[in-house]
Structure formats: C-alpha cells, structure tokens
Amino acid sequence: MDPTDPVWMQPGAVPPPDPQRPPAESSPFGDEVTDSATAGFVDFAEAAPDEERKAAPTPLSLQRWLWLLLLPFAFAFLLTCLFLAMRGVLDLGGMVAVGGPYEIAHPAPTYWWIFPVAIVGCVLIALASMGVFSISRMASGSVNIPFPGMWKEGSEVNLVAMLFWPAIFLSLGWNFCEYGFFREEALAWGWVISGVVFVLMGALPLYFLAKKVKASELRETARKNAGSMWPQFIGIAAGIPLGVLFFSAIS
C-alpha cells in the first residue's frame, strides 16, 4: 500500500486494508477489538464541562472588593444608629413629638432625623445587595438569598442580602422586649407584644434557613466564598463601633 497514492488521499476517502496487518481480534461479547494504531483518543481536558471550568474561584477586582466592603459597612452603621436612637425614644416613654401649636410633653430628641434616614438607607442597601439596583452587580454578581437553591455551585454569599431582615427585626425586637419586660413598674404590654412580634418576624426566617441548609453545605460554601466574605465581615465589624461613636457625638 503506497501512502502517497492520490486515490485514497482525497478528502473523505477510506484507505484500503493493509494485507500485512493481522486481522482484528474479537472480544468475548462479539465486539471487534481495535488496536492502538487506529484507536481514537479523547482529550478529557477539552471535554470537561463548563461547570468544572468555572469551579476555580476568580480573584476579586478592587472595585468589586470595595463594594463588598462598603455595602455591609453602611448597613451596619445605619442599623446601629437606628438601634441606639430607638432606645433613646423608649427612655422618653416611647411617644415624642416636634413642632405644632400645642405644648409638647415629651419633645423629640435632636437626633429624630436618624429614624427616616436609617430606615430608608437600610432598605435601599438591602435592595441593592439583592440585585434590584445595578450597583449590586458590581458588588456581588451572583447573589445568594435565603430561598431554595441559594447554595448553588459558583454562587457567592452576600451577608446583607441574606441577613438584613433578621438583623433589623431581632435588634429592634430586643429593644422592645428589654423595655417591656425589665422595668421596675408593671409590664409594658404594648412593648412586650411588639417585641415578641418583631422577634418572631426575625427568627422564623433564620429557623427555616437553618432547617434547609445542612451544616456541611454551610461550611463548604463558606470555604469556597472566603474571598468574598472577608470584606463583608470587615465592613460589618467597622460599621458597628463607628455607628456607636457617631450616635454618641450627635446625641
């Protein structure tokens, strides 16, 4: 057989059998066994699915890292100010007012403006973290929320999107419970009921989240997302004490 014969070198042509080549063997199942001369090889690196290629974590850019730091920082700062301002109003009896033609028994403290600013700010930051605003795509990309499928491969953990609801209601609920139960006079049932409702609203999502997510999955997800979680922990750790200092300065 001449390998330079142009007859079988044409595209699509099949070379003639080599008379010097031994016949192919048969397997016990009747299949023909192909020797290494004609065996096809598969490049498993090329055949790897896209999911496996995406498994390797990508480094965070500076802009992305800053957003992961600033959003939790701002949320923790505003929630701390709201928490402390609420305690100040409860110290005054829970009912204050400002302005108007009538004499005010309990004037509102000078920091009353913290309530609308902190509430609106926390809601906007939470919406941004969940992906409602385009700013969150720079901050977190694929955002996890406490619903089925939150621990998918390649997704990232966004602490504000996951915990903003329990953080708000549990912190404010604690204020209601403390001032309703632990007082020298009789129980303040209005505050007690409000505190119990707030605690339930904050604790039930955490309960269902813990019930759905296994501890092993939680540890594995935390390990894979360590690079995106550290900036968020730093932001929260810095926002709380700075919020305390800021509120102390203005009150």
Protein backbone atom coordinates (compact mmCIF):
# COMPACT_ATOMS: atom_id res chain seq x y z
CA MET A 1 0.00 0.00 0.00
CA ASP A 2 1.51 3.27 -1.10
CA PRO A 3 0.65 6.04 1.40
CA THR A 4 1.34 8.66 -1.28
CA ASP A 5 -1.25 7.18 -3.64
CA PRO A 6 -3.54 10.13 -4.51
CA VAL A 7 -6.51 7.80 -4.92
CA TRP A 8 -7.22 7.44 -1.20
CA MET A 9 -5.67 10.73 -0.08
CA GLN A 10 -8.73 12.61 -1.34
CA PRO A 11 -11.00 14.11 1.38
CA GLY A 12 -13.46 11.52 2.63
CA ALA A 13 -11.71 8.56 1.05
CA VAL A 14 -11.07 5.43 3.12
CA PRO A 15 -7.61 3.82 2.79
CA PRO A 16 -7.56 0.23 1.50
CA PRO A 17 -6.80 -2.54 4.01
CA ASP A 18 -3.18 -3.38 4.60
CA PRO A 19 -2.51 -7.02 3.62
CA GLN A 20 0.45 -7.21 6.03
CA ARG A 21 -1.68 -6.16 9.01
CA PRO A 22 -3.02 -9.04 11.17
CA PRO A 23 -6.80 -9.42 11.37
CA ALA A 24 -8.60 -7.68 14.19
CA GLU A 25 -9.43 -9.76 17.23
CA SER A 26 -12.92 -10.19 18.60
CA SER A 27 -13.95 -9.79 22.21
CA PRO A 28 -15.99 -12.45 24.04
CA PHE A 29 -19.05 -10.22 23.55
CA GLY A 30 -18.72 -10.20 19.78
CA ASP A 31 -17.30 -6.68 19.53
CA GLU A 32 -14.31 -6.00 17.39
CA VAL A 33 -11.23 -5.01 19.32
CA THR A 34 -9.40 -2.07 17.77
CA ASP A 35 -5.65 -1.89 18.18
CA SER A 36 -3.72 1.15 19.19
CA ALA A 37 -2.88 2.06 15.59
CA THR A 38 -6.46 3.11 14.85
CA ALA A 39 -7.80 3.73 18.37
CA GLY A 40 -9.31 7.14 18.94
CA PHE A 41 -8.26 9.20 21.91
CA VAL A 42 -10.40 11.70 23.84
CA ASP A 43 -8.92 14.84 25.28
CA PHE A 44 -10.63 14.91 28.63
CA ALA A 45 -9.36 18.43 29.29
CA GLU A 46 -11.20 19.63 26.19
CA ALA A 47 -14.27 17.55 27.00
CA ALA A 48 -14.63 18.93 30.54
CA PRO A 49 -17.99 20.62 31.11
CA ASP A 50 -18.23 24.33 31.54
CA GLU A 51 -19.26 23.91 35.18
CA GLU A 52 -15.92 22.32 36.05
CA ARG A 53 -14.03 25.06 34.28
CA LYS A 54 -15.92 27.67 36.28
CA ALA A 55 -15.26 25.91 39.58
CA ALA A 56 -11.94 27.69 40.07
CA PRO A 57 -12.55 30.95 42.01
CA THR A 58 -11.71 34.17 40.22
CA PRO A 59 -9.87 36.91 42.12
CA LEU A 60 -11.91 39.92 43.18
CA SER A 61 -11.23 43.19 41.44
CA LEU A 62 -10.56 46.29 43.54
CA GLN A 63 -13.92 47.84 42.64
CA ARG A 64 -15.80 44.65 43.48
CA TRP A 65 -13.89 44.29 46.76
CA LEU A 66 -14.75 47.87 47.75
CA TRP A 67 -18.46 47.36 47.13
CA LEU A 68 -18.41 44.15 49.17
CA LEU A 69 -16.84 46.20 51.95
CA LEU A 70 -18.94 49.38 51.73
CA LEU A 71 -22.45 47.91 51.48
CA PRO A 72 -22.19 45.87 54.73
CA PHE A 73 -20.38 48.77 56.39
CA ALA A 74 -23.16 51.24 55.55
CA PHE A 75 -25.87 48.79 56.59
CA ALA A 76 -24.23 48.04 59.96
CA PHE A 77 -23.59 51.75 60.56
CA LEU A 78 -27.19 52.79 59.88
CA LEU A 79 -28.72 49.89 61.80
CA THR A 80 -26.55 50.70 64.83
CA CYS A 81 -27.68 54.32 64.76
CA LEU A 82 -31.33 53.21 64.45
CA PHE A 83 -30.93 50.78 67.34
CA LEU A 84 -29.50 53.43 69.66
CA ALA A 85 -31.94 56.14 68.59
CA MET A 86 -34.85 53.81 69.34
CA ARG A 87 -33.53 53.23 72.86
CA GLY A 88 -33.37 56.99 73.40
CA VAL A 89 -37.01 57.40 72.41
CA LEU A 90 -38.06 54.50 74.64
CA ASP A 91 -36.25 56.20 77.53
CA LEU A 92 -38.57 59.18 77.00
CA GLY A 93 -41.66 57.00 77.19
CA GLY A 94 -41.91 55.86 73.59
CA MET A 95 -44.01 58.83 72.40
CA VAL A 96 -42.33 62.06 71.33
CA ALA A 97 -43.26 64.92 69.05
CA VAL A 98 -41.76 68.01 67.49
CA GLY A 99 -43.33 71.25 66.27
CA GLY A 100 -47.02 72.17 66.22
CA PRO A 101 -49.07 74.81 68.08
CA TYR A 102 -49.56 72.71 71.24
CA GLU A 103 -47.35 72.23 74.24
CA ILE A 104 -45.33 69.02 73.86
CA ALA A 105 -44.99 66.85 76.95
CA HIS A 106 -42.11 64.80 75.52
CA PRO A 107 -40.18 66.76 72.89
CA ALA A 108 -38.42 64.68 70.29
CA PRO A 109 -34.65 64.44 70.69
CA THR A 110 -32.43 66.37 68.34
CA TYR A 111 -31.46 63.17 66.54
CA TRP A 112 -35.02 62.34 65.44
CA TRP A 113 -33.93 62.60 61.80
CA ILE A 114 -31.95 59.36 62.22
CA PHE A 115 -35.15 57.31 62.03
CA PRO A 116 -36.18 58.14 58.44
CA VAL A 117 -32.60 58.27 57.19
CA ALA A 118 -31.60 54.94 58.75
CA ILE A 119 -34.80 53.09 57.77
CA VAL A 120 -34.73 54.24 54.15
CA GLY A 121 -30.97 53.71 53.94
CA CYS A 122 -31.14 50.14 55.25
CA VAL A 123 -33.92 49.26 52.82
CA LEU A 124 -32.06 50.73 49.84
CA ILE A 125 -28.83 48.94 50.77
CA ALA A 126 -30.70 45.64 51.17
CA LEU A 127 -32.38 46.06 47.77
CA ALA A 128 -29.05 46.90 46.17
CA SER A 129 -27.48 43.81 47.72
CA MET A 130 -30.27 41.59 46.38
CA GLY A 131 -29.72 42.80 42.84
CA VAL A 132 -32.61 45.24 42.41
CA PHE A 133 -30.18 48.01 41.52
CA SER A 134 -27.31 47.69 39.05
CA ILE A 135 -24.88 48.71 41.80
CA SER A 136 -25.20 45.23 43.26
CA ARG A 137 -23.80 43.60 40.12
CA MET A 138 -20.55 45.40 40.78
CA ALA A 139 -20.73 44.45 44.42
CA SER A 140 -21.77 40.85 44.46
CA GLY A 141 -22.53 39.48 41.00
CA SER A 142 -24.44 36.28 41.68
CA VAL A 143 -26.26 36.95 44.94
CA ASN A 144 -27.45 34.34 47.38
CA ILE A 145 -30.80 34.89 49.08
CA PRO A 146 -32.46 32.73 51.73
CA PHE A 147 -34.60 30.69 49.36
CA PRO A 148 -34.18 27.25 47.69
CA GLY A 149 -31.08 27.00 45.52
CA MET A 150 -29.02 29.56 47.43
CA TRP A 151 -26.05 27.17 47.79
CA LYS A 152 -25.53 26.53 44.07
CA GLU A 153 -22.06 25.92 42.75
CA GLY A 154 -20.24 29.13 41.82
CA SER A 155 -22.61 31.47 43.64
CA GLU A 156 -21.42 33.93 46.23
CA VAL A 157 -22.60 34.63 49.75
CA ASN A 158 -23.96 38.13 50.30
CA LEU A 159 -24.43 38.68 54.02
CA VAL A 160 -26.62 41.77 53.71
CA ALA A 161 -28.98 40.08 51.26
CA MET A 162 -29.20 37.01 53.49
CA LEU A 163 -29.45 38.58 56.93
CA PHE A 164 -30.87 42.09 56.58
CA TRP A 165 -34.39 41.02 57.58
CA PRO A 166 -33.41 39.09 60.74
CA ALA A 167 -30.86 41.77 61.68
CA ILE A 168 -33.42 44.58 61.61
CA PHE A 169 -36.27 42.82 63.39
CA LEU A 170 -34.20 40.97 66.00
CA SER A 171 -32.25 44.08 67.01
CA LEU A 172 -35.31 46.33 67.28
CA GLY A 173 -37.33 43.50 68.85
CA TRP A 174 -34.72 43.21 71.58
CA ASN A 175 -35.26 46.87 72.46
CA PHE A 176 -39.00 46.35 72.78
CA CYS A 177 -38.55 43.23 74.91
CA GLU A 178 -35.94 44.80 77.18
CA TYR A 179 -38.00 47.91 77.88
CA GLY A 180 -41.22 45.92 78.14
CA PHE A 181 -40.08 43.16 80.49
CA PHE A 182 -37.17 44.56 82.50
CA ARG A 183 -38.66 47.56 84.23
CA GLU A 184 -39.47 48.50 87.81
CA GLU A 185 -43.14 49.11 87.09
CA ALA A 186 -45.62 46.62 85.67
CA LEU A 187 -45.04 45.09 82.28
CA ALA A 188 -45.50 47.43 79.35
CA TRP A 189 -47.72 45.13 77.33
CA GLY A 190 -47.61 47.30 74.23
CA TRP A 191 -43.86 46.99 74.06
CA VAL A 192 -43.91 43.32 75.07
CA ILE A 193 -46.31 42.41 72.25
CA SER A 194 -44.35 44.48 69.76
CA GLY A 195 -41.11 42.84 70.89
CA VAL A 196 -42.50 39.31 70.58
CA VAL A 197 -43.85 40.06 67.09
CA PHE A 198 -40.54 41.56 65.97
CA VAL A 199 -38.54 38.62 67.36
CA LEU A 200 -40.79 36.12 65.58
CA MET A 201 -40.50 38.04 62.30
CA GLY A 202 -36.73 37.97 62.59
CA ALA A 203 -36.25 34.48 64.00
CA LEU A 204 -38.59 32.48 61.76
CA PRO A 205 -36.60 33.14 58.54
CA LEU A 206 -33.42 32.07 60.34
CA TYR A 207 -35.13 28.90 61.56
CA PHE A 208 -36.31 27.87 58.10
CA LEU A 209 -32.92 28.77 56.64
CA ALA A 210 -31.07 26.65 59.21
CA LYS A 211 -33.56 23.83 58.69
CA LYS A 212 -33.00 23.79 54.93
CA VAL A 213 -29.24 24.25 54.81
CA LYS A 214 -27.05 21.47 56.16
CA ALA A 215 -24.06 22.30 58.33
CA SER A 216 -21.71 20.57 55.88
CA GLU A 217 -23.07 22.64 53.00
CA LEU A 218 -22.70 25.80 55.06
CA ARG A 219 -19.05 25.05 55.85
CA GLU A 220 -18.28 24.14 52.24
CA THR A 221 -19.94 27.29 50.92
CA ALA A 222 -18.09 29.44 53.46
CA ARG A 223 -14.80 27.84 52.43
CA LYS A 224 -15.39 28.41 48.73
CA ASN A 225 -16.55 32.00 49.25
CA ALA A 226 -13.97 33.06 51.81
CA GLY A 227 -12.53 35.64 49.42
CA SER A 228 -15.85 37.49 49.09
CA MET A 229 -16.90 37.09 52.74
CA TRP A 230 -13.88 38.68 54.41
CA PRO A 231 -14.57 42.20 53.05
CA GLN A 232 -18.14 41.91 54.30
CA PHE A 233 -17.06 40.84 57.79
CA ILE A 234 -14.59 43.72 57.91
CA GLY A 235 -17.29 46.18 56.84
CA ILE A 236 -19.73 44.96 59.50
CA ALA A 237 -17.06 44.96 62.21
CA ALA A 238 -16.13 48.56 61.34
CA GLY A 239 -19.69 49.86 60.88
CA ILE A 240 -20.97 48.91 64.35
CA PRO A 241 -18.40 50.76 66.53
CA LEU A 242 -18.36 53.76 64.18
CA GLY A 243 -22.14 53.92 64.42
CA VAL A 244 -21.88 53.96 68.22
CA LEU A 245 -19.31 56.76 68.11
CA PHE A 246 -21.36 58.78 65.63
CA PHE A 247 -24.56 58.47 67.68
CA SER A 248 -22.72 59.42 70.85
CA ALA A 249 -21.39 62.53 69.15
CA ILE A 250 -24.77 63.77 67.89
CA SER A 251 -26.78 62.88 70.99
